[in-house]
Amino acid sequence: MLKKHYLVDEKGKKSGVLLDIKDYHKILHELEELESIRAYDAAKSSEDEIISFEQAVNEIERDRK
């Protein structure tokens, strides 16, 4: 369960959330995993050429130079 505290404006309307730093990092980690899953699903459904992981890493490193 996430520990959260709400920030409210002068009218008492919720305007923000304070999270425990551990919860914040957990959320970021989960979002990164979700992004990877979505990228995988998009790549899998694409009709683009399939290359190995090693080849992809080599191409990325080559392009960085």
N, C-alpha and C. Protein backbone atom coordinates (compact mmCIF):
# COMPACT_ATOMS: atom_id res chain seq x y z
N MET A 1 0.84 -1.19 0.00
CA MET A 1 0.00 0.00 0.00
C MET A 1 0.88 1.24 0.00
N LEU A 2 0.59 2.17 -0.87
CA LEU A 2 1.36 3.41 -0.95
C LEU A 2 0.95 4.35 0.17
N LYS A 3 1.98 4.91 0.80
CA LYS A 3 1.71 5.95 1.79
C LYS A 3 1.68 7.27 1.03
N LYS A 4 0.60 8.00 1.18
CA LYS A 4 0.48 9.27 0.45
C LYS A 4 -0.19 10.32 1.31
N HIS A 5 0.21 11.53 1.08
CA HIS A 5 -0.39 12.68 1.74
C HIS A 5 -0.77 13.67 0.65
N TYR A 6 -1.94 14.24 0.78
CA TYR A 6 -2.41 15.16 -0.24
C TYR A 6 -2.08 16.60 0.11
N LEU A 7 -1.75 17.35 -0.91
CA LEU A 7 -1.63 18.80 -0.78
C LEU A 7 -2.97 19.37 -1.19
N VAL A 8 -3.44 20.36 -0.48
CA VAL A 8 -4.72 20.97 -0.81
C VAL A 8 -4.54 22.46 -1.00
N ASP A 9 -5.39 23.03 -1.84
CA ASP A 9 -5.35 24.48 -2.04
C ASP A 9 -6.17 25.16 -0.95
N GLU A 10 -6.31 26.46 -1.08
CA GLU A 10 -7.00 27.24 -0.05
C GLU A 10 -8.48 26.88 0.08
N LYS A 11 -9.03 26.22 -0.95
CA LYS A 11 -10.43 25.80 -0.90
C LYS A 11 -10.59 24.36 -0.43
N GLY A 12 -9.47 23.72 -0.09
CA GLY A 12 -9.52 22.34 0.36
C GLY A 12 -9.52 21.31 -0.76
N LYS A 13 -9.36 21.77 -2.00
CA LYS A 13 -9.33 20.86 -3.15
C LYS A 13 -7.94 20.24 -3.26
N LYS A 14 -7.90 18.91 -3.46
CA LYS A 14 -6.62 18.23 -3.60
C LYS A 14 -5.90 18.75 -4.84
N SER A 15 -4.62 19.11 -4.65
CA SER A 15 -3.86 19.67 -5.76
C SER A 15 -2.52 18.97 -5.98
N GLY A 16 -2.17 18.05 -5.11
CA GLY A 16 -0.92 17.34 -5.27
C GLY A 16 -0.84 16.19 -4.29
N VAL A 17 0.24 15.40 -4.45
CA VAL A 17 0.43 14.24 -3.59
C VAL A 17 1.89 14.18 -3.15
N LEU A 18 2.10 13.88 -1.88
CA LEU A 18 3.44 13.61 -1.37
C LEU A 18 3.54 12.11 -1.17
N LEU A 19 4.63 11.53 -1.69
CA LEU A 19 4.85 10.09 -1.56
C LEU A 19 6.13 9.83 -0.78
N ASP A 20 6.15 8.72 -0.08
CA ASP A 20 7.37 8.24 0.53
C ASP A 20 8.38 7.98 -0.60
N ILE A 21 9.65 8.27 -0.38
CA ILE A 21 10.65 8.14 -1.45
C ILE A 21 10.74 6.70 -1.95
N LYS A 22 10.57 5.71 -1.08
CA LYS A 22 10.59 4.32 -1.51
C LYS A 22 9.43 4.03 -2.46
N ASP A 23 8.26 4.56 -2.14
CA ASP A 23 7.10 4.38 -3.01
C ASP A 23 7.33 5.06 -4.36
N TYR A 24 7.93 6.24 -4.33
CA TYR A 24 8.23 6.98 -5.56
C TYR A 24 9.15 6.15 -6.46
N HIS A 25 10.21 5.60 -5.88
CA HIS A 25 11.15 4.80 -6.67
C HIS A 25 10.48 3.52 -7.18
N LYS A 26 9.60 2.94 -6.39
CA LYS A 26 8.88 1.74 -6.83
C LYS A 26 7.99 2.08 -8.04
N ILE A 27 7.31 3.21 -7.98
CA ILE A 27 6.47 3.64 -9.10
C ILE A 27 7.32 3.86 -10.36
N LEU A 28 8.47 4.52 -10.20
CA LEU A 28 9.34 4.74 -11.36
C LEU A 28 9.80 3.41 -11.95
N HIS A 29 10.16 2.47 -11.10
CA HIS A 29 10.60 1.15 -11.57
C HIS A 29 9.48 0.46 -12.35
N GLU A 30 8.28 0.51 -11.80
CA GLU A 30 7.13 -0.12 -12.46
C GLU A 30 6.84 0.54 -13.81
N LEU A 31 6.97 1.86 -13.88
CA LEU A 31 6.75 2.56 -15.14
C LEU A 31 7.79 2.17 -16.19
N GLU A 32 9.04 2.01 -15.74
CA GLU A 32 10.09 1.58 -16.67
C GLU A 32 9.80 0.18 -17.20
N GLU A 33 9.35 -0.71 -16.33
CA GLU A 33 9.00 -2.06 -16.78
C GLU A 33 7.83 -2.02 -17.76
N LEU A 34 6.83 -1.21 -17.46
CA LEU A 34 5.69 -1.08 -18.36
C LEU A 34 6.12 -0.54 -19.72
N GLU A 35 7.03 0.43 -19.72
CA GLU A 35 7.54 0.99 -20.97
C GLU A 35 8.25 -0.10 -21.78
N SER A 36 9.02 -0.93 -21.11
CA SER A 36 9.72 -2.02 -21.80
C SER A 36 8.72 -3.02 -22.39
N ILE A 37 7.68 -3.34 -21.64
CA ILE A 37 6.66 -4.27 -22.13
C ILE A 37 5.95 -3.69 -23.34
N ARG A 38 5.62 -2.42 -23.28
CA ARG A 38 4.95 -1.78 -24.42
C ARG A 38 5.85 -1.75 -25.64
N ALA A 39 7.14 -1.46 -25.44
CA ALA A 39 8.09 -1.44 -26.55
C ALA A 39 8.22 -2.83 -27.16
N TYR A 40 8.27 -3.84 -26.31
CA TYR A 40 8.33 -5.23 -26.78
C TYR A 40 7.09 -5.59 -27.59
N ASP A 41 5.92 -5.25 -27.06
CA ASP A 41 4.68 -5.54 -27.77
C ASP A 41 4.62 -4.83 -29.12
N ALA A 42 5.07 -3.57 -29.14
CA ALA A 42 5.06 -2.82 -30.39
C ALA A 42 6.02 -3.44 -31.40
N ALA A 43 7.20 -3.85 -30.92
CA ALA A 43 8.18 -4.45 -31.81
C ALA A 43 7.68 -5.80 -32.32
N LYS A 44 7.04 -6.55 -31.45
CA LYS A 44 6.55 -7.87 -31.84
C LYS A 44 5.45 -7.78 -32.89
N SER A 45 4.62 -6.76 -32.79
CA SER A 45 3.52 -6.61 -33.75
C SER A 45 3.95 -5.88 -35.02
N SER A 46 5.14 -5.34 -35.00
CA SER A 46 5.66 -4.63 -36.17
C SER A 46 6.14 -5.62 -37.22
N GLU A 47 6.14 -5.19 -38.45
CA GLU A 47 6.63 -6.04 -39.53
C GLU A 47 8.07 -5.69 -39.88
N ASP A 48 8.75 -4.97 -38.98
CA ASP A 48 10.14 -4.61 -39.21
C ASP A 48 11.04 -5.84 -39.12
N GLU A 49 12.23 -5.69 -39.65
CA GLU A 49 13.22 -6.77 -39.61
C GLU A 49 13.58 -7.09 -38.16
N ILE A 50 13.69 -8.35 -37.84
CA ILE A 50 14.06 -8.79 -36.50
C ILE A 50 15.58 -8.95 -36.45
N ILE A 51 16.19 -8.33 -35.41
CA ILE A 51 17.62 -8.47 -35.21
C ILE A 51 17.87 -8.96 -33.79
N SER A 52 19.05 -9.52 -33.57
CA SER A 52 19.38 -10.04 -32.24
C SER A 52 19.64 -8.88 -31.28
N PHE A 53 19.55 -9.20 -30.00
CA PHE A 53 19.82 -8.20 -28.97
C PHE A 53 21.25 -7.66 -29.11
N GLU A 54 22.20 -8.56 -29.33
CA GLU A 54 23.60 -8.16 -29.46
C GLU A 54 23.79 -7.20 -30.63
N GLN A 55 23.13 -7.49 -31.74
CA GLN A 55 23.24 -6.61 -32.91
C GLN A 55 22.63 -5.25 -32.60
N ALA A 56 21.52 -5.24 -31.89
CA ALA A 56 20.87 -3.97 -31.52
C ALA A 56 21.80 -3.14 -30.64
N VAL A 57 22.42 -3.77 -29.66
CA VAL A 57 23.34 -3.06 -28.77
C VAL A 57 24.51 -2.51 -29.56
N ASN A 58 25.07 -3.31 -30.46
CA ASN A 58 26.19 -2.86 -31.29
C ASN A 58 25.80 -1.66 -32.13
N GLU A 59 24.60 -1.68 -32.71
CA GLU A 59 24.15 -0.56 -33.53
C GLU A 59 23.95 0.70 -32.68
N ILE A 60 23.40 0.54 -31.51
CA ILE A 60 23.20 1.69 -30.62
C ILE A 60 24.55 2.29 -30.23
N GLU A 61 25.50 1.44 -29.86
CA GLU A 61 26.82 1.93 -29.48
C GLU A 61 27.52 2.60 -30.65
N ARG A 62 27.36 2.04 -31.84
CA ARG A 62 27.97 2.62 -33.04
C ARG A 62 27.37 4.01 -33.31
N ASP A 63 26.07 4.15 -33.15
CA ASP A 63 25.40 5.42 -33.42
C ASP A 63 25.75 6.50 -32.39
N ARG A 64 26.16 6.09 -31.20
CA ARG A 64 26.53 7.05 -30.15
C ARG A 64 27.84 7.73 -30.44
N LYS A 65 28.68 7.09 -31.26
CA LYS A 65 30.03 7.63 -31.54
C LYS A 65 29.98 8.69 -32.59
